[in-house]
Amino acid sequence: MKRLLLADDHPMIHTGLEIVGMTGTGDATLQAIDRLKPDVLLLDLQMPGGSGMDVLRSLRASGASLAVILLTAAIDDSSLLEAKALKVDGIVLKNSDPAFLLECLDSVRQGRAWIDRELAERARTASQGTPAEMRVALAPRELQVIGFVRKGLRNREIAERLGVKEGTVKAYLHAIFEKVGVSSRTELATRADEFLA
């Protein structure tokens, strides 16, 4: 049986799961992952103290190997595309049949990704947008980070300005690189005006 960490700020189905911990905030989730070493993280998209996307970015930036399944009542196209780019292992809608969660967990246990059919179709449609449309998908915080990079600020300085950890800034940059198709800070700084327009 897989060791599971449930990061959600309200109760949900526990059937058939060995839950090694439960958290309700993004910061507590990252701490619990270090402490409990789960195999799978069931991660609520909307949490205080760092959203599910913030946690996912941090995990991928750190190279953590655990599988991540997002649980969400709703997800916008920008977050959906970013989650796929960050190689999320599963996405389950909270209002769907509880059996879907168990099906997703089983697929992930076998090394296969599982995304709700409705969301998979939306991701296919959204990914066919033009580069200009994809730039619109940048979140306000990502636009802030691009602005700071354009000014020449280092990760530590950006973290101080935003009131987050330096690792979170690295995660934002990783997501930005994926979204806008750049491969370095220098290229991002050079093309910043294009992305901020």
C-alpha atoms as a PDB file:
ATOM      1  CA  MET A   1       0.000   0.000   0.000  1.00  0.00           C
ATOM      2  CA  LYS A   2       1.215   3.505  -0.801  1.00  0.00           C
ATOM      3  CA  ARG A   3       1.875   6.026   1.977  1.00  0.00           C
ATOM      4  CA  LEU A   4      -0.420   8.975   1.369  1.00  0.00           C
ATOM      5  CA  LEU A   5      -0.391  12.583   2.579  1.00  0.00           C
ATOM      6  CA  LEU A   6      -3.753  14.361   2.326  1.00  0.00           C
ATOM      7  CA  ALA A   7      -3.384  18.129   1.924  1.00  0.00           C
ATOM      8  CA  ASP A   8      -6.890  19.514   1.988  1.00  0.00           C
ATOM      9  CA  ASP A   9      -8.608  22.074   4.208  1.00  0.00           C
ATOM     10  CA  HIS A  10     -11.844  20.072   4.504  1.00  0.00           C
ATOM     11  CA  PRO A  11     -12.761  16.364   4.929  1.00  0.00           C
ATOM     12  CA  MET A  12     -13.098  13.893   2.031  1.00  0.00           C
ATOM     13  CA  ILE A  13     -13.313  10.157   1.268  1.00  0.00           C
ATOM     14  CA  HIS A  14     -10.688   8.063   3.141  1.00  0.00           C
ATOM     15  CA  THR A  15     -11.772   4.595   1.980  1.00  0.00           C
ATOM     16  CA  GLY A  16      -8.941   2.225   1.109  1.00  0.00           C
ATOM     17  CA  LEU A  17      -6.161   4.734   1.788  1.00  0.00           C
ATOM     18  CA  GLU A  18      -3.311   4.555   4.291  1.00  0.00           C
ATOM     19  CA  ILE A  19      -3.217   8.209   5.237  1.00  0.00           C
ATOM     20  CA  VAL A  20       0.025   9.072   7.032  1.00  0.00           C
ATOM     21  CA  GLY A  21      -0.837  12.717   7.593  1.00  0.00           C
ATOM     22  CA  MET A  22      -3.303  15.519   6.933  1.00  0.00           C
ATOM     23  CA  THR A  23      -2.552  19.197   6.447  1.00  0.00           C
ATOM     24  CA  GLY A  24      -4.648  22.249   5.634  1.00  0.00           C
ATOM     25  CA  THR A  25      -2.132  24.821   4.363  1.00  0.00           C
ATOM     26  CA  GLY A  26       0.553  24.922   1.697  1.00  0.00           C
ATOM     27  CA  ASP A  27       3.376  25.614   4.162  1.00  0.00           C
ATOM     28  CA  ALA A  28       2.297  22.782   6.491  1.00  0.00           C
ATOM     29  CA  THR A  29       2.123  20.438   3.498  1.00  0.00           C
ATOM     30  CA  LEU A  30       5.736  21.070   2.462  1.00  0.00           C
ATOM     31  CA  GLN A  31       6.880  20.522   6.056  1.00  0.00           C
ATOM     32  CA  ALA A  32       4.848  17.298   6.352  1.00  0.00           C
ATOM     33  CA  ILE A  33       6.326  15.941   3.108  1.00  0.00           C
ATOM     34  CA  ASP A  34       9.841  16.350   4.526  1.00  0.00           C
ATOM     35  CA  ARG A  35       8.813  14.700   7.788  1.00  0.00           C
ATOM     36  CA  LEU A  36       6.512  11.873   6.603  1.00  0.00           C
ATOM     37  CA  LYS A  37       8.045  10.947   3.214  1.00  0.00           C
ATOM     38  CA  PRO A  38       4.727   9.936   1.583  1.00  0.00           C
ATOM     39  CA  ASP A  39       4.557   8.134  -1.780  1.00  0.00           C
ATOM     40  CA  VAL A  40       1.491  10.088  -2.911  1.00  0.00           C
ATOM     41  CA  LEU A  41       0.226  13.586  -2.132  1.00  0.00           C
ATOM     42  CA  LEU A  42      -3.495  14.336  -2.487  1.00  0.00           C
ATOM     43  CA  LEU A  43      -3.339  18.098  -2.859  1.00  0.00           C
ATOM     44  CA  ASP A  44      -6.211  20.577  -2.639  1.00  0.00           C
ATOM     45  CA  LEU A  45      -5.800  23.302  -5.264  1.00  0.00           C
ATOM     46  CA  GLN A  46      -7.249  26.050  -3.041  1.00  0.00           C
ATOM     47  CA  MET A  47      -5.538  26.227   0.358  1.00  0.00           C
ATOM     48  CA  PRO A  48      -4.408  29.064   2.602  1.00  0.00           C
ATOM     49  CA  GLY A  49      -0.695  29.546   3.246  1.00  0.00           C
ATOM     50  CA  GLY A  50       0.376  28.623  -0.291  1.00  0.00           C
ATOM     51  CA  SER A  51      -1.967  27.232  -2.933  1.00  0.00           C
ATOM     52  CA  GLY A  52      -1.819  23.712  -4.306  1.00  0.00           C
ATOM     53  CA  MET A  53      -0.074  25.103  -7.393  1.00  0.00           C
ATOM     54  CA  ASP A  54       2.544  26.770  -5.166  1.00  0.00           C
ATOM     55  CA  VAL A  55       3.182  23.416  -3.467  1.00  0.00           C
ATOM     56  CA  LEU A  56       3.374  21.597  -6.816  1.00  0.00           C
ATOM     57  CA  ARG A  57       5.854  24.166  -8.177  1.00  0.00           C
ATOM     58  CA  SER A  58       8.050  23.835  -5.082  1.00  0.00           C
ATOM     59  CA  LEU A  59       8.029  20.041  -5.249  1.00  0.00           C
ATOM     60  CA  ARG A  60       8.963  19.934  -8.925  1.00  0.00           C
ATOM     61  CA  ALA A  61      11.663  22.584  -8.469  1.00  0.00           C
ATOM     62  CA  SER A  62      13.165  20.535  -5.620  1.00  0.00           C
ATOM     63  CA  GLY A  63      13.102  17.305  -7.629  1.00  0.00           C
ATOM     64  CA  ALA A  64      10.905  15.501  -5.069  1.00  0.00           C
ATOM     65  CA  SER A  65       9.872  12.088  -6.400  1.00  0.00           C
ATOM     66  CA  LEU A  66       6.448  11.635  -4.804  1.00  0.00           C
ATOM     67  CA  ALA A  67       3.340  11.410  -7.001  1.00  0.00           C
ATOM     68  CA  VAL A  68       0.968  14.395  -6.830  1.00  0.00           C
ATOM     69  CA  ILE A  69      -2.788  14.246  -7.392  1.00  0.00           C
ATOM     70  CA  LEU A  70      -4.664  17.550  -7.441  1.00  0.00           C
ATOM     71  CA  LEU A  71      -8.146  17.660  -5.918  1.00  0.00           C
ATOM     72  CA  THR A  72     -10.226  20.602  -7.037  1.00  0.00           C
ATOM     73  CA  ALA A  73     -13.764  21.904  -7.283  1.00  0.00           C
ATOM     74  CA  ALA A  74     -12.662  24.020 -10.274  1.00  0.00           C
ATOM     75  CA  ILE A  75      -9.468  24.867 -12.146  1.00  0.00           C
ATOM     76  CA  ASP A  76      -8.780  27.586 -14.725  1.00  0.00           C
ATOM     77  CA  ASP A  77      -7.085  26.815 -18.037  1.00  0.00           C
ATOM     78  CA  SER A  78      -3.854  28.529 -16.995  1.00  0.00           C
ATOM     79  CA  SER A  79      -3.458  26.371 -13.880  1.00  0.00           C
ATOM     80  CA  LEU A  80      -4.555  23.276 -15.788  1.00  0.00           C
ATOM     81  CA  LEU A  81      -1.874  23.752 -18.455  1.00  0.00           C
ATOM     82  CA  GLU A  82       0.750  24.586 -15.840  1.00  0.00           C
ATOM     83  CA  ALA A  83      -0.134  21.483 -13.790  1.00  0.00           C
ATOM     84  CA  LYS A  84       0.292  19.332 -16.894  1.00  0.00           C
ATOM     85  CA  ALA A  85       3.607  21.056 -17.719  1.00  0.00           C
ATOM     86  CA  LEU A  86       4.748  20.314 -14.153  1.00  0.00           C
ATOM     87  CA  LYS A  87       3.912  16.620 -14.748  1.00  0.00           C
ATOM     88  CA  VAL A  88       1.106  16.318 -12.194  1.00  0.00           C
ATOM     89  CA  ASP A  89       0.190  12.645 -11.826  1.00  0.00           C
ATOM     90  CA  GLY A  90      -3.547  13.093 -11.461  1.00  0.00           C
ATOM     91  CA  ILE A  91      -6.362  15.642 -11.303  1.00  0.00           C
ATOM     92  CA  VAL A  92      -9.716  14.728  -9.761  1.00  0.00           C
ATOM     93  CA  LEU A  93     -12.770  16.990  -9.545  1.00  0.00           C
ATOM     94  CA  LYS A  94     -14.225  17.013  -6.029  1.00  0.00           C
ATOM     95  CA  ASN A  95     -17.801  16.952  -7.299  1.00  0.00           C
ATOM     96  CA  SER A  96     -17.222  13.797  -9.362  1.00  0.00           C
ATOM     97  CA  ASP A  97     -18.043  10.214  -8.393  1.00  0.00           C
ATOM     98  CA  PRO A  98     -15.822   9.185  -5.400  1.00  0.00           C
ATOM     99  CA  ALA A  99     -14.925   6.070  -7.402  1.00  0.00           C
ATOM    100  CA  PHE A 100     -12.912   8.336  -9.727  1.00  0.00           C
ATOM    101  CA  LEU A 101     -10.527   9.151  -6.878  1.00  0.00           C
ATOM    102  CA  LEU A 102      -9.906   5.457  -6.258  1.00  0.00           C
ATOM    103  CA  GLU A 103      -9.484   4.880 -10.016  1.00  0.00           C
ATOM    104  CA  CYS A 104      -6.981   7.759 -10.150  1.00  0.00           C
ATOM    105  CA  LEU A 105      -5.038   6.414  -7.150  1.00  0.00           C
ATOM    106  CA  ASP A 106      -4.904   2.961  -8.732  1.00  0.00           C
ATOM    107  CA  SER A 107      -3.626   4.373 -12.043  1.00  0.00           C
ATOM    108  CA  VAL A 108      -0.987   6.498 -10.321  1.00  0.00           C
ATOM    109  CA  ARG A 109       0.105   3.484  -8.228  1.00  0.00           C
ATOM    110  CA  GLN A 110       0.745   1.673 -11.530  1.00  0.00           C
ATOM    111  CA  GLY A 111       2.779   4.590 -12.885  1.00  0.00           C
ATOM    112  CA  ARG A 112       0.104   6.022 -15.168  1.00  0.00           C
ATOM    113  CA  ALA A 113      -1.245   9.578 -15.096  1.00  0.00           C
ATOM    114  CA  TRP A 114      -5.009  10.017 -14.606  1.00  0.00           C
ATOM    115  CA  ILE A 115      -6.825  13.260 -15.395  1.00  0.00           C
ATOM    116  CA  ASP A 116     -10.580  13.733 -15.298  1.00  0.00           C
ATOM    117  CA  ARG A 117     -11.930  13.367 -18.864  1.00  0.00           C
ATOM    118  CA  GLU A 118     -13.545  16.811 -18.890  1.00  0.00           C
ATOM    119  CA  LEU A 119     -10.283  18.443 -17.788  1.00  0.00           C
ATOM    120  CA  ALA A 120      -8.193  16.414 -20.243  1.00  0.00           C
ATOM    121  CA  GLU A 121     -10.387  17.680 -23.095  1.00  0.00           C
ATOM    122  CA  ARG A 122     -10.137  21.272 -21.841  1.00  0.00           C
ATOM    123  CA  ALA A 123      -6.344  20.952 -21.640  1.00  0.00           C
ATOM    124  CA  ARG A 124      -6.187  19.722 -25.250  1.00  0.00           C
ATOM    125  CA  THR A 125      -8.279  22.668 -26.442  1.00  0.00           C
ATOM    126  CA  ALA A 126      -6.391  25.241 -24.354  1.00  0.00           C
ATOM    127  CA  SER A 127      -2.970  23.955 -25.462  1.00  0.00           C
ATOM    128  CA  GLN A 128      -3.873  24.701 -29.077  1.00  0.00           C
ATOM    129  CA  GLY A 129      -3.981  28.453 -28.357  1.00  0.00           C
ATOM    130  CA  THR A 130      -1.612  30.923 -30.025  1.00  0.00           C
ATOM    131  CA  PRO A 131       1.578  32.080 -28.233  1.00  0.00           C
ATOM    132  CA  ALA A 132      -0.124  35.415 -27.503  1.00  0.00           C
ATOM    133  CA  GLU A 133      -3.046  33.607 -25.872  1.00  0.00           C
ATOM    134  CA  MET A 134      -0.638  31.509 -23.822  1.00  0.00           C
ATOM    135  CA  ARG A 135       1.059  34.660 -22.486  1.00  0.00           C
ATOM    136  CA  VAL A 136      -2.306  35.825 -21.171  1.00  0.00           C
ATOM    137  CA  ALA A 137      -2.267  32.666 -19.046  1.00  0.00           C
ATOM    138  CA  LEU A 138       0.479  34.103 -16.808  1.00  0.00           C
ATOM    139  CA  ALA A 139      -0.767  34.575 -13.238  1.00  0.00           C
ATOM    140  CA  PRO A 140      -0.441  38.017 -11.577  1.00  0.00           C
ATOM    141  CA  ARG A 141       2.334  36.727  -9.264  1.00  0.00           C
ATOM    142  CA  GLU A 142       4.231  35.339 -12.276  1.00  0.00           C
ATOM    143  CA  LEU A 143       4.000  38.744 -13.964  1.00  0.00           C
ATOM    144  CA  GLN A 144       5.426  40.294 -10.782  1.00  0.00           C
ATOM    145  CA  VAL A 145       8.342  37.863 -10.846  1.00  0.00           C
ATOM    146  CA  ILE A 146       9.049  38.668 -14.518  1.00  0.00           C
ATOM    147  CA  GLY A 147       9.068  42.372 -13.614  1.00  0.00           C
ATOM    148  CA  PHE A 148      11.615  41.776 -10.847  1.00  0.00           C
ATOM    149  CA  VAL A 149      13.805  39.655 -13.166  1.00  0.00           C
ATOM    150  CA  ARG A 150      13.708  42.490 -15.715  1.00  0.00           C
ATOM    151  CA  LYS A 151      14.998  44.831 -12.988  1.00  0.00           C
ATOM    152  CA  GLY A 152      17.889  42.438 -12.316  1.00  0.00           C
ATOM    153  CA  LEU A 153      16.818  41.274  -8.849  1.00  0.00           C
ATOM    154  CA  ARG A 154      18.193  37.955  -7.586  1.00  0.00           C
ATOM    155  CA  ASN A 155      15.972  35.153  -6.284  1.00  0.00           C
ATOM    156  CA  ARG A 156      16.684  36.071  -2.652  1.00  0.00           C
ATOM    157  CA  GLU A 157      15.708  39.702  -3.282  1.00  0.00           C
ATOM    158  CA  ILE A 158      12.546  38.673  -5.135  1.00  0.00           C
ATOM    159  CA  ALA A 159      11.623  36.333  -2.267  1.00  0.00           C
ATOM    160  CA  GLU A 160      12.015  39.208   0.221  1.00  0.00           C
ATOM    161  CA  ARG A 161       9.840  41.527  -1.893  1.00  0.00           C
ATOM    162  CA  LEU A 162       7.101  38.896  -2.244  1.00  0.00           C
ATOM    163  CA  GLY A 163       7.321  37.584   1.319  1.00  0.00           C
ATOM    164  CA  VAL A 164       7.972  33.991   0.201  1.00  0.00           C
ATOM    165  CA  LYS A 165      10.818  31.495   0.394  1.00  0.00           C
ATOM    166  CA  GLU A 166      13.597  31.497  -2.183  1.00  0.00           C
ATOM    167  CA  GLY A 167      12.566  27.990  -3.273  1.00  0.00           C
ATOM    168  CA  THR A 168       9.107  29.324  -4.123  1.00  0.00           C
ATOM    169  CA  VAL A 169      10.676  31.935  -6.410  1.00  0.00           C
ATOM    170  CA  LYS A 170      12.627  29.164  -8.167  1.00  0.00           C
ATOM    171  CA  ALA A 171       9.361  27.259  -8.618  1.00  0.00           C
ATOM    172  CA  TYR A 172       7.702  30.362 -10.107  1.00  0.00           C
ATOM    173  CA  LEU A 173      10.601  30.805 -12.517  1.00  0.00           C
ATOM    174  CA  HIS A 174      10.427  27.152 -13.577  1.00  0.00           C
ATOM    175  CA  ALA A 175       6.703  27.538 -14.315  1.00  0.00           C
ATOM    176  CA  ILE A 176       7.289  30.811 -16.189  1.00  0.00           C
ATOM    177  CA  PHE A 177      10.054  29.270 -18.321  1.00  0.00           C
ATOM    178  CA  GLU A 178       7.653  26.431 -19.249  1.00  0.00           C
ATOM    179  CA  LYS A 179       4.782  28.787 -20.081  1.00  0.00           C
ATOM    180  CA  VAL A 180       6.644  31.331 -22.194  1.00  0.00           C
ATOM    181  CA  GLY A 181       9.192  29.003 -23.764  1.00  0.00           C
ATOM    182  CA  VAL A 182      12.452  30.506 -22.515  1.00  0.00           C
ATOM    183  CA  SER A 183      15.421  28.565 -21.207  1.00  0.00           C
ATOM    184  CA  SER A 184      17.293  31.088 -19.046  1.00  0.00           C
ATOM    185  CA  ARG A 185      16.910  34.122 -16.791  1.00  0.00           C
ATOM    186  CA  THR A 186      18.800  36.210 -19.324  1.00  0.00           C
ATOM    187  CA  GLU A 187      16.353  35.321 -22.085  1.00  0.00           C
ATOM    188  CA  LEU A 188      13.431  36.030 -19.753  1.00  0.00           C
ATOM    189  CA  ALA A 189      14.862  39.440 -18.828  1.00  0.00           C
ATOM    190  CA  THR A 190      15.554  40.278 -22.479  1.00  0.00           C
ATOM    191  CA  ARG A 191      12.010  39.377 -23.548  1.00  0.00           C
ATOM    192  CA  ALA A 192      10.263  40.639 -20.401  1.00  0.00           C
ATOM    193  CA  ASP A 193       8.550  43.560 -22.150  1.00  0.00           C
ATOM    194  CA  GLU A 194       6.977  41.111 -24.603  1.00  0.00           C
ATOM    195  CA  PHE A 195       5.466  39.056 -21.762  1.00  0.00           C
ATOM    196  CA  LEU A 196       4.389  42.056 -19.673  1.00  0.00           C
ATOM    197  CA  ALA A 197       2.734  43.888 -22.603  1.00  0.00           C
END
